[in-house]
Amino acid sequence: MSTEVMEQIKQQIESNDILLYMKGSPKLPQCGFSSRASQVLMACGERFAFVDILAHPEIRQNLPKYANWPTFPQLWIKGELVGGSDIIIELYEKGELQTMIKEAVGNADEAAE
């Protein structure tokens, strides 16, 4: 486990209120799970950061250890791991993801004032 990579992951998570680790990008996802996760996030109507783990093999290798979560995509909101594709979709269908996203963005707006 690379300390530098772990620090990079920690920094990415702390620096972005909404962060999706995925295969590919929201416009060009490289797997069905990443595609569905990014579509659901986009449907929430707020900007979010993403990291293409295929372009960053060191992050792909170390993130499951950091997060104690073995699969991708991984959604992080305000420094907390929300989960993978199935959890993201389930939260969206219940209307809970939209609330989580709005609160994360709302808190960011308040902090900026």
N, C-alpha and C. Protein backbone atom coordinates (compact mmCIF):
# COMPACT_ATOMS: atom_id res chain seq x y z
N MET A 1 0.84 -1.17 0.00
CA MET A 1 0.00 0.00 0.00
C MET A 1 0.89 1.24 0.00
N SER A 2 0.76 2.07 -1.00
CA SER A 2 1.58 3.26 -1.13
C SER A 2 1.03 4.40 -0.27
N THR A 3 1.88 4.93 0.60
CA THR A 3 1.49 6.05 1.45
C THR A 3 1.14 7.27 0.61
N GLU A 4 1.91 7.51 -0.45
CA GLU A 4 1.65 8.67 -1.32
C GLU A 4 0.28 8.56 -1.98
N VAL A 5 -0.06 7.37 -2.46
CA VAL A 5 -1.36 7.18 -3.11
C VAL A 5 -2.48 7.32 -2.09
N MET A 6 -2.28 6.77 -0.91
CA MET A 6 -3.30 6.89 0.13
C MET A 6 -3.53 8.36 0.50
N GLU A 7 -2.46 9.13 0.54
CA GLU A 7 -2.58 10.56 0.84
C GLU A 7 -3.31 11.28 -0.30
N GLN A 8 -3.03 10.86 -1.54
CA GLN A 8 -3.70 11.45 -2.70
C GLN A 8 -5.20 11.16 -2.64
N ILE A 9 -5.57 9.93 -2.32
CA ILE A 9 -6.98 9.55 -2.20
C ILE A 9 -7.66 10.38 -1.10
N LYS A 10 -7.00 10.45 0.05
CA LYS A 10 -7.54 11.22 1.18
C LYS A 10 -7.76 12.68 0.77
N GLN A 11 -6.81 13.25 0.06
CA GLN A 11 -6.90 14.64 -0.39
C GLN A 11 -8.07 14.82 -1.37
N GLN A 12 -8.23 13.88 -2.30
CA GLN A 12 -9.34 13.95 -3.27
C GLN A 12 -10.68 13.93 -2.54
N ILE A 13 -10.81 13.04 -1.58
CA ILE A 13 -12.07 12.89 -0.85
C ILE A 13 -12.36 14.13 -0.02
N GLU A 14 -11.33 14.68 0.63
CA GLU A 14 -11.52 15.87 1.46
C GLU A 14 -11.77 17.13 0.64
N SER A 15 -11.25 17.17 -0.58
CA SER A 15 -11.33 18.38 -1.41
C SER A 15 -12.61 18.48 -2.22
N ASN A 16 -13.39 17.40 -2.30
CA ASN A 16 -14.59 17.37 -3.13
C ASN A 16 -15.79 16.94 -2.30
N ASP A 17 -16.81 17.81 -2.25
CA ASP A 17 -18.01 17.46 -1.48
C ASP A 17 -18.71 16.24 -2.05
N ILE A 18 -18.69 16.11 -3.38
CA ILE A 18 -19.32 14.97 -4.05
C ILE A 18 -18.29 14.41 -5.02
N LEU A 19 -17.89 13.17 -4.80
CA LEU A 19 -16.83 12.56 -5.59
C LEU A 19 -17.21 11.14 -5.97
N LEU A 20 -17.11 10.84 -7.26
CA LEU A 20 -17.40 9.50 -7.76
C LEU A 20 -16.13 8.91 -8.35
N TYR A 21 -15.69 7.81 -7.76
CA TYR A 21 -14.61 7.02 -8.36
C TYR A 21 -15.30 6.04 -9.30
N MET A 22 -14.92 6.10 -10.58
CA MET A 22 -15.64 5.30 -11.57
C MET A 22 -14.69 4.83 -12.67
N LYS A 23 -15.19 3.94 -13.49
CA LYS A 23 -14.46 3.48 -14.67
C LYS A 23 -14.90 4.35 -15.84
N GLY A 24 -13.97 5.17 -16.33
CA GLY A 24 -14.29 6.09 -17.40
C GLY A 24 -14.69 7.44 -16.84
N SER A 25 -15.52 8.16 -17.60
CA SER A 25 -16.01 9.48 -17.19
C SER A 25 -17.53 9.49 -17.32
N PRO A 26 -18.19 10.49 -16.72
CA PRO A 26 -19.65 10.54 -16.86
C PRO A 26 -20.10 10.58 -18.32
N LYS A 27 -19.32 11.23 -19.18
CA LYS A 27 -19.70 11.30 -20.60
C LYS A 27 -19.33 10.03 -21.36
N LEU A 28 -18.28 9.35 -20.91
CA LEU A 28 -17.84 8.11 -21.56
C LEU A 28 -17.54 7.03 -20.51
N PRO A 29 -18.59 6.54 -19.83
CA PRO A 29 -18.36 5.50 -18.83
C PRO A 29 -17.87 4.21 -19.49
N GLN A 30 -17.03 3.48 -18.76
CA GLN A 30 -16.44 2.26 -19.30
C GLN A 30 -17.03 0.98 -18.72
N CYS A 31 -18.09 1.11 -17.93
CA CYS A 31 -18.81 -0.09 -17.47
C CYS A 31 -20.24 0.31 -17.12
N GLY A 32 -21.12 -0.64 -17.13
CA GLY A 32 -22.53 -0.38 -16.88
C GLY A 32 -22.80 0.19 -15.50
N PHE A 33 -22.09 -0.31 -14.49
CA PHE A 33 -22.30 0.18 -13.13
C PHE A 33 -21.90 1.65 -13.02
N SER A 34 -20.75 1.99 -13.60
CA SER A 34 -20.30 3.38 -13.57
C SER A 34 -21.25 4.27 -14.37
N SER A 35 -21.77 3.75 -15.47
CA SER A 35 -22.71 4.50 -16.30
C SER A 35 -23.97 4.83 -15.51
N ARG A 36 -24.55 3.83 -14.86
CA ARG A 36 -25.78 4.06 -14.09
C ARG A 36 -25.53 5.01 -12.93
N ALA A 37 -24.42 4.83 -12.23
CA ALA A 37 -24.12 5.69 -11.08
C ALA A 37 -23.96 7.14 -11.52
N SER A 38 -23.24 7.37 -12.60
CA SER A 38 -23.03 8.77 -13.04
C SER A 38 -24.33 9.36 -13.58
N GLN A 39 -25.17 8.57 -14.25
CA GLN A 39 -26.45 9.07 -14.74
C GLN A 39 -27.35 9.51 -13.59
N VAL A 40 -27.39 8.72 -12.54
CA VAL A 40 -28.21 9.05 -11.37
C VAL A 40 -27.69 10.33 -10.72
N LEU A 41 -26.35 10.43 -10.60
CA LEU A 41 -25.78 11.65 -10.01
C LEU A 41 -26.10 12.87 -10.87
N MET A 42 -25.98 12.74 -12.17
CA MET A 42 -26.29 13.86 -13.06
C MET A 42 -27.76 14.25 -12.95
N ALA A 43 -28.63 13.26 -12.74
CA ALA A 43 -30.06 13.53 -12.61
C ALA A 43 -30.37 14.34 -11.34
N CYS A 44 -29.46 14.33 -10.38
CA CYS A 44 -29.66 15.12 -9.15
C CYS A 44 -29.43 16.61 -9.41
N GLY A 45 -28.80 16.93 -10.53
CA GLY A 45 -28.71 18.32 -10.96
C GLY A 45 -27.58 19.15 -10.36
N GLU A 46 -26.66 18.52 -9.67
CA GLU A 46 -25.54 19.26 -9.10
C GLU A 46 -24.23 18.76 -9.70
N ARG A 47 -23.25 19.66 -9.70
CA ARG A 47 -21.93 19.27 -10.20
C ARG A 47 -21.28 18.31 -9.21
N PHE A 48 -20.50 17.38 -9.75
CA PHE A 48 -19.75 16.47 -8.90
C PHE A 48 -18.40 16.19 -9.55
N ALA A 49 -17.44 15.84 -8.73
CA ALA A 49 -16.11 15.49 -9.22
C ALA A 49 -16.08 13.99 -9.48
N PHE A 50 -15.18 13.58 -10.36
CA PHE A 50 -15.01 12.15 -10.58
C PHE A 50 -13.54 11.88 -10.82
N VAL A 51 -13.16 10.63 -10.56
CA VAL A 51 -11.82 10.14 -10.86
C VAL A 51 -11.99 8.88 -11.68
N ASP A 52 -11.35 8.87 -12.85
CA ASP A 52 -11.36 7.69 -13.72
C ASP A 52 -10.29 6.73 -13.21
N ILE A 53 -10.72 5.67 -12.56
CA ILE A 53 -9.75 4.74 -11.97
C ILE A 53 -9.00 3.93 -13.03
N LEU A 54 -9.53 3.87 -14.26
CA LEU A 54 -8.82 3.17 -15.33
C LEU A 54 -7.59 3.97 -15.75
N ALA A 55 -7.67 5.29 -15.65
CA ALA A 55 -6.53 6.16 -15.99
C ALA A 55 -5.55 6.29 -14.83
N HIS A 56 -5.96 5.82 -13.66
CA HIS A 56 -5.12 5.91 -12.46
C HIS A 56 -5.06 4.56 -11.76
N PRO A 57 -4.28 3.63 -12.32
CA PRO A 57 -4.25 2.26 -11.76
C PRO A 57 -3.80 2.19 -10.31
N GLU A 58 -2.98 3.15 -9.87
CA GLU A 58 -2.53 3.14 -8.48
C GLU A 58 -3.70 3.46 -7.54
N ILE A 59 -4.61 4.33 -7.98
CA ILE A 59 -5.80 4.62 -7.17
C ILE A 59 -6.75 3.42 -7.22
N ARG A 60 -6.90 2.83 -8.39
CA ARG A 60 -7.76 1.65 -8.53
C ARG A 60 -7.30 0.54 -7.60
N GLN A 61 -6.00 0.39 -7.46
CA GLN A 61 -5.45 -0.68 -6.64
C GLN A 61 -5.59 -0.38 -5.14
N ASN A 62 -5.45 0.86 -4.74
CA ASN A 62 -5.40 1.21 -3.32
C ASN A 62 -6.71 1.67 -2.72
N LEU A 63 -7.62 2.21 -3.53
CA LEU A 63 -8.88 2.73 -2.99
C LEU A 63 -9.69 1.66 -2.25
N PRO A 64 -9.80 0.44 -2.76
CA PRO A 64 -10.57 -0.56 -2.00
C PRO A 64 -10.01 -0.79 -0.59
N LYS A 65 -8.72 -0.68 -0.42
CA LYS A 65 -8.12 -0.82 0.92
C LYS A 65 -8.43 0.41 1.77
N TYR A 66 -8.32 1.58 1.16
CA TYR A 66 -8.60 2.83 1.88
C TYR A 66 -10.05 2.85 2.36
N ALA A 67 -10.94 2.48 1.46
CA ALA A 67 -12.38 2.59 1.74
C ALA A 67 -12.95 1.36 2.45
N ASN A 68 -12.21 0.26 2.44
CA ASN A 68 -12.73 -1.01 2.91
C ASN A 68 -14.00 -1.37 2.13
N TRP A 69 -13.96 -1.09 0.83
CA TRP A 69 -15.07 -1.35 -0.10
C TRP A 69 -14.44 -1.89 -1.38
N PRO A 70 -14.77 -3.11 -1.80
CA PRO A 70 -13.99 -3.77 -2.85
C PRO A 70 -14.31 -3.39 -4.29
N THR A 71 -15.44 -2.74 -4.53
CA THR A 71 -15.88 -2.57 -5.92
C THR A 71 -15.96 -1.11 -6.33
N PHE A 72 -16.14 -0.91 -7.62
CA PHE A 72 -16.33 0.42 -8.22
C PHE A 72 -17.63 0.39 -9.00
N PRO A 73 -18.30 1.52 -9.11
CA PRO A 73 -17.94 2.85 -8.63
C PRO A 73 -18.08 2.97 -7.12
N GLN A 74 -17.51 4.06 -6.61
CA GLN A 74 -17.66 4.44 -5.20
C GLN A 74 -18.06 5.90 -5.15
N LEU A 75 -19.14 6.18 -4.44
CA LEU A 75 -19.59 7.57 -4.26
C LEU A 75 -19.23 8.02 -2.85
N TRP A 76 -18.58 9.17 -2.79
CA TRP A 76 -18.22 9.80 -1.52
C TRP A 76 -18.92 11.15 -1.45
N ILE A 77 -19.61 11.40 -0.33
CA ILE A 77 -20.25 12.70 -0.11
C ILE A 77 -19.77 13.23 1.23
N LYS A 78 -19.19 14.44 1.19
CA LYS A 78 -18.68 15.10 2.40
C LYS A 78 -17.74 14.19 3.18
N GLY A 79 -16.87 13.48 2.48
CA GLY A 79 -15.86 12.65 3.13
C GLY A 79 -16.33 11.29 3.58
N GLU A 80 -17.60 10.96 3.34
CA GLU A 80 -18.15 9.67 3.77
C GLU A 80 -18.47 8.81 2.56
N LEU A 81 -18.09 7.54 2.63
CA LEU A 81 -18.42 6.60 1.57
C LEU A 81 -19.92 6.30 1.62
N VAL A 82 -20.60 6.56 0.53
CA VAL A 82 -22.04 6.27 0.43
C VAL A 82 -22.21 4.82 -0.02
N GLY A 83 -21.46 4.41 -1.07
CA GLY A 83 -21.54 3.04 -1.55
C GLY A 83 -21.35 2.97 -3.05
N GLY A 84 -21.73 1.83 -3.57
CA GLY A 84 -21.58 1.56 -4.99
C GLY A 84 -22.86 1.79 -5.77
N SER A 85 -22.88 1.29 -6.98
CA SER A 85 -23.95 1.55 -7.93
C SER A 85 -25.33 1.17 -7.39
N ASP A 86 -25.47 -0.02 -6.84
CA ASP A 86 -26.78 -0.46 -6.35
C ASP A 86 -27.30 0.44 -5.24
N ILE A 87 -26.41 0.81 -4.32
CA ILE A 87 -26.81 1.67 -3.21
C ILE A 87 -27.17 3.06 -3.72
N ILE A 88 -26.37 3.58 -4.64
CA ILE A 88 -26.63 4.90 -5.22
C ILE A 88 -28.01 4.93 -5.87
N ILE A 89 -28.32 3.92 -6.68
CA ILE A 89 -29.61 3.85 -7.38
C ILE A 89 -30.75 3.70 -6.38
N GLU A 90 -30.57 2.86 -5.38
CA GLU A 90 -31.61 2.66 -4.37
C GLU A 90 -31.90 3.97 -3.62
N LEU A 91 -30.85 4.68 -3.23
CA LEU A 91 -31.04 5.96 -2.54
C LEU A 91 -31.75 6.97 -3.45
N TYR A 92 -31.40 6.96 -4.72
CA TYR A 92 -32.02 7.88 -5.68
C TYR A 92 -33.52 7.58 -5.81
N GLU A 93 -33.84 6.30 -5.95
CA GLU A 93 -35.25 5.91 -6.12
C GLU A 93 -36.08 6.27 -4.90
N LYS A 94 -35.49 6.28 -3.71
CA LYS A 94 -36.19 6.66 -2.48
C LYS A 94 -36.22 8.17 -2.29
N GLY A 95 -35.47 8.91 -3.13
CA GLY A 95 -35.39 10.36 -2.99
C GLY A 95 -34.35 10.82 -1.98
N GLU A 96 -33.64 9.86 -1.38
CA GLU A 96 -32.66 10.20 -0.34
C GLU A 96 -31.36 10.76 -0.93
N LEU A 97 -30.96 10.26 -2.07
CA LEU A 97 -29.71 10.73 -2.67
C LEU A 97 -29.81 12.21 -3.03
N GLN A 98 -30.95 12.61 -3.59
CA GLN A 98 -31.14 14.02 -3.96
C GLN A 98 -30.97 14.91 -2.72
N THR A 99 -31.53 14.48 -1.60
CA THR A 99 -31.41 15.24 -0.36
C THR A 99 -29.95 15.30 0.09
N MET A 100 -29.27 14.18 0.05
CA MET A 100 -27.85 14.13 0.45
C MET A 100 -27.01 15.08 -0.42
N ILE A 101 -27.29 15.06 -1.71
CA ILE A 101 -26.54 15.90 -2.66
C ILE A 101 -26.83 17.38 -2.39
N LYS A 102 -28.11 17.72 -2.24
CA LYS A 102 -28.49 19.12 -1.99
C LYS A 102 -27.87 19.62 -0.68
N GLU A 103 -27.88 18.78 0.35
CA GLU A 103 -27.29 19.18 1.63
C GLU A 103 -25.79 19.38 1.50
N ALA A 104 -25.12 18.50 0.77
CA ALA A 104 -23.67 18.62 0.58
C ALA A 104 -23.34 19.92 -0.15
N VAL A 105 -24.10 20.23 -1.17
CA VAL A 105 -23.87 21.45 -1.95
C VAL A 105 -24.28 22.67 -1.14
N GLY A 106 -25.38 22.55 -0.43
CA GLY A 106 -25.86 23.66 0.41
C GLY A 106 -24.86 24.02 1.47
N ASN A 107 -24.27 23.01 2.10
CA ASN A 107 -23.26 23.27 3.12
C ASN A 107 -22.05 23.94 2.52
N ALA A 108 -21.70 23.55 1.30
CA ALA A 108 -20.56 24.15 0.62
C ALA A 108 -20.85 25.62 0.33
N ASP A 109 -22.08 25.92 -0.07
CA ASP A 109 -22.46 27.31 -0.35
C ASP A 109 -22.39 28.15 0.93
N GLU A 110 -22.87 27.59 2.05
CA GLU A 110 -22.86 28.32 3.30
C GLU A 110 -21.42 28.57 3.75
N ALA A 111 -20.55 27.61 3.57
CA ALA A 111 -19.16 27.76 3.99
C ALA A 111 -18.46 28.83 3.17
N ALA A 112 -18.91 29.03 1.94
CA ALA A 112 -18.27 30.02 1.04
C ALA A 112 -18.67 31.45 1.40
N GLU A 113 -19.77 31.61 2.12
CA GLU A 113 -20.26 32.97 2.44
C GLU A 113 -19.47 33.63 3.54
